[in-house]
Amino acid sequence: MKRLIALSLLSVPLLAQADTPVIVKIPRLTLEASEKIAQATVAACRKQGIQIGVTVVDRSGDPMVTLRDTLAPRITLEVSRQKAFTAVNFNAPLSALENRFTKPFSVGKVDGLVFSAGGIPIEAAGNIVGAVGVSGAATGEQDEACAREGLKAIAFELETASL
C-alpha cells in the first residue's frame, strides 16, 4: 500500500508536466507598426519645431526602426535607442524612473541604460511588445510627449489586439 501511494505521488509531477506546452506564442510588434510609430513621433516633434532621433525596439530591446530628422544631432540615435531599450526592459515610462537609481553601483550605472524621460513601453493585449525612445528635445518631458503622440498612430490596433 505504501508503495502504491509513493508511486502515485511520483506521477503527480509528470501529469503536471504533460500540461505544460513545449512552445510559447510571443506577441511581436510588426515592422509596419514600428514604422508608423516612428514616423508619427517625428511628425509630432516637427509640429513643435523640434528635430529628434527616434528608435522603436521589439520586446527584446532590439531596434526595429531608427529615424533621425534632418537637423537632429547624430547622438540622438544612440540616446533614443538606449531610452527605448531601458523602457522595454523595465516596462515603465522613463519619466517614472528618473530618480530611482541614484546610488553608486546601482542598476542605473549599467552601460546602455538611460533613466531620462523620453522612453515608453508599448503594450498590446496586456503584453509588452516593444518600446519607443526619443532624443533631441530640450527636455525629456518633450521627448516623451512626442513618443506618446507617436503611439497614437496605432493606438486603436494596440487596444484591440487579441493574442
Protein backbone atom coordinates (compact mmCIF):
# COMPACT_ATOMS: atom_id res chain seq x y z
CA MET A 1 0.00 0.00 0.00
CA LYS A 2 2.83 2.38 0.87
CA ARG A 3 4.46 1.62 -2.48
CA LEU A 4 1.23 2.39 -4.30
CA ILE A 5 0.91 5.75 -2.52
CA ALA A 6 4.57 6.57 -3.23
CA LEU A 7 4.18 5.69 -6.92
CA SER A 8 1.04 7.77 -7.23
CA LEU A 9 2.79 10.75 -5.61
CA LEU A 10 5.68 10.43 -8.06
CA SER A 11 3.34 10.55 -11.04
CA VAL A 12 1.75 13.88 -10.00
CA PRO A 13 4.66 15.99 -11.27
CA LEU A 14 4.64 14.02 -14.53
CA LEU A 15 0.98 14.84 -15.07
CA ALA A 16 1.62 18.50 -14.41
CA GLN A 17 4.47 18.49 -16.92
CA ALA A 18 2.26 16.90 -19.56
CA ASP A 19 0.03 20.01 -19.47
CA THR A 20 2.98 22.36 -19.91
CA PRO A 21 3.37 23.49 -23.53
CA VAL A 22 6.67 22.90 -25.26
CA ILE A 23 6.45 26.20 -27.15
CA VAL A 24 5.08 29.62 -26.28
CA LYS A 25 3.47 32.20 -28.50
CA ILE A 26 5.24 35.53 -28.24
CA PRO A 27 3.43 38.65 -29.43
CA ARG A 28 5.62 40.78 -31.70
CA LEU A 29 5.43 44.33 -32.96
CA THR A 30 5.49 44.35 -36.77
CA LEU A 31 7.89 46.37 -38.87
CA GLU A 32 4.96 48.28 -40.35
CA ALA A 33 3.62 49.23 -36.89
CA SER A 34 7.13 50.26 -35.81
CA GLU A 35 7.48 52.49 -38.87
CA LYS A 36 4.11 54.16 -38.20
CA ILE A 37 5.09 54.90 -34.61
CA ALA A 38 8.48 56.30 -35.61
CA GLN A 39 7.10 58.49 -38.41
CA ALA A 40 4.27 59.83 -36.22
CA THR A 41 6.76 60.58 -33.43
CA VAL A 42 8.97 62.62 -35.77
CA ALA A 43 5.89 64.43 -37.09
CA ALA A 44 4.72 65.28 -33.56
CA CYS A 45 8.07 66.84 -32.69
CA ARG A 46 8.29 68.68 -36.02
CA LYS A 47 4.98 70.40 -35.25
CA GLN A 48 6.79 71.97 -32.27
CA GLY A 49 9.88 72.81 -34.31
CA ILE A 50 11.91 70.06 -32.63
CA GLN A 51 14.33 67.81 -34.53
CA ILE A 52 14.71 64.38 -32.92
CA GLY A 53 16.03 60.88 -33.22
CA VAL A 54 13.55 58.08 -32.51
CA THR A 55 14.02 54.35 -32.05
CA VAL A 56 11.33 51.70 -31.81
CA VAL A 57 12.53 48.41 -30.30
CA ASP A 58 10.93 44.99 -30.08
CA ARG A 59 10.19 43.22 -26.80
CA SER A 60 13.82 42.09 -26.55
CA GLY A 61 15.12 45.64 -26.88
CA ASP A 62 16.45 45.16 -30.40
CA PRO A 63 15.86 48.09 -32.80
CA MET A 64 13.09 47.68 -35.35
CA VAL A 65 13.17 51.24 -36.73
CA THR A 66 15.50 54.15 -36.13
CA LEU A 67 14.93 57.58 -37.65
CA ARG A 68 16.84 60.84 -37.31
CA ASP A 69 15.24 64.03 -38.51
CA THR A 70 17.27 66.15 -40.92
CA LEU A 71 18.86 68.51 -38.39
CA ALA A 72 18.87 66.26 -35.32
CA PRO A 73 22.37 65.63 -33.96
CA ARG A 74 23.87 62.18 -34.55
CA ILE A 75 23.92 61.45 -30.79
CA THR A 76 20.11 61.37 -30.78
CA LEU A 77 20.28 57.98 -32.49
CA GLU A 78 22.19 56.29 -29.67
CA VAL A 79 20.34 58.06 -26.87
CA SER A 80 16.92 57.23 -28.35
CA ARG A 81 17.98 53.57 -28.70
CA GLN A 82 19.12 53.43 -25.08
CA LYS A 83 15.91 55.08 -23.87
CA ALA A 84 13.78 52.56 -25.78
CA PHE A 85 15.95 49.67 -24.53
CA THR A 86 15.60 50.83 -20.92
CA ALA A 87 11.83 51.38 -21.20
CA VAL A 88 11.18 47.90 -22.60
CA ASN A 89 13.41 46.19 -20.04
CA PHE A 90 11.83 47.97 -17.07
CA ASN A 91 8.33 48.05 -18.63
CA ALA A 92 7.79 51.61 -17.46
CA PRO A 93 7.89 55.13 -18.83
CA LEU A 94 11.33 56.53 -18.09
CA SER A 95 9.82 59.65 -16.54
CA ALA A 96 8.63 57.36 -13.74
CA LEU A 97 12.16 56.01 -13.20
CA GLU A 98 14.32 59.15 -13.41
CA ASN A 99 15.14 59.35 -9.69
CA ARG A 100 15.00 55.66 -8.81
CA PHE A 101 18.58 54.62 -9.43
CA THR A 102 20.86 57.24 -7.94
CA LYS A 103 23.14 55.32 -5.56
CA PRO A 104 26.61 54.20 -6.65
CA PHE A 105 26.74 50.68 -8.05
CA SER A 106 23.00 50.66 -8.68
CA VAL A 107 21.41 49.18 -11.78
CA GLY A 108 21.29 52.71 -13.18
CA LYS A 109 25.05 52.53 -13.72
CA VAL A 110 24.82 49.62 -16.16
CA ASP A 111 26.07 50.55 -19.64
CA GLY A 112 23.28 51.02 -22.16
CA LEU A 113 20.60 52.11 -19.68
CA VAL A 114 19.30 55.68 -19.67
CA PHE A 115 16.96 56.91 -16.96
CA SER A 116 15.90 60.17 -18.54
CA ALA A 117 12.32 60.83 -19.69
CA GLY A 118 11.68 60.06 -23.31
CA GLY A 119 11.17 56.31 -23.44
CA ILE A 120 7.86 54.47 -23.07
CA PRO A 121 6.90 50.81 -23.36
CA ILE A 122 4.41 49.62 -25.96
CA GLU A 123 1.71 47.18 -24.83
CA ALA A 124 -0.88 45.17 -26.72
CA ALA A 125 -3.46 42.86 -25.16
CA GLY A 126 -1.70 43.09 -21.80
CA ASN A 127 1.68 42.10 -23.25
CA ILE A 128 4.74 44.26 -23.70
CA VAL A 129 5.63 44.21 -27.40
CA GLY A 130 8.28 46.91 -27.56
CA ALA A 131 9.15 50.47 -26.66
CA VAL A 132 9.79 53.83 -28.26
CA GLY A 133 12.64 56.14 -27.30
CA VAL A 134 13.10 59.77 -28.30
CA SER A 135 16.04 62.14 -28.00
CA GLY A 136 16.67 65.67 -29.19
CA ALA A 137 14.13 67.93 -27.50
CA ALA A 138 15.18 70.45 -24.86
CA THR A 139 13.69 68.26 -22.11
CA GLY A 140 12.95 64.61 -21.57
CA GLU A 141 9.32 65.52 -20.98
CA GLN A 142 9.12 66.94 -24.53
CA ASP A 143 10.77 63.77 -25.86
CA GLU A 144 8.22 61.66 -24.02
CA ALA A 145 5.28 63.78 -25.22
CA CYS A 146 6.38 63.19 -28.82
CA ALA A 147 6.68 59.44 -28.15
CA ARG A 148 3.15 59.36 -26.74
CA GLU A 149 1.87 61.18 -29.82
CA GLY A 150 3.67 58.65 -31.99
CA LEU A 151 1.94 55.76 -30.23
CA LYS A 152 -1.42 57.31 -31.07
CA ALA A 153 -0.76 56.36 -34.71
CA ILE A 154 -1.52 52.72 -33.86
CA ALA A 155 -3.41 53.14 -30.57
CA PHE A 156 -6.59 51.53 -31.87
CA GLU A 157 -4.70 48.50 -33.17
CA LEU A 158 -2.85 48.11 -29.86
CA GLU A 159 -6.04 48.44 -27.81
CA THR A 160 -8.00 45.95 -29.88
CA ALA A 161 -5.22 43.39 -30.38
CA SER A 162 -6.10 39.87 -29.33
CA LEU A 163 -3.39 37.35 -28.74
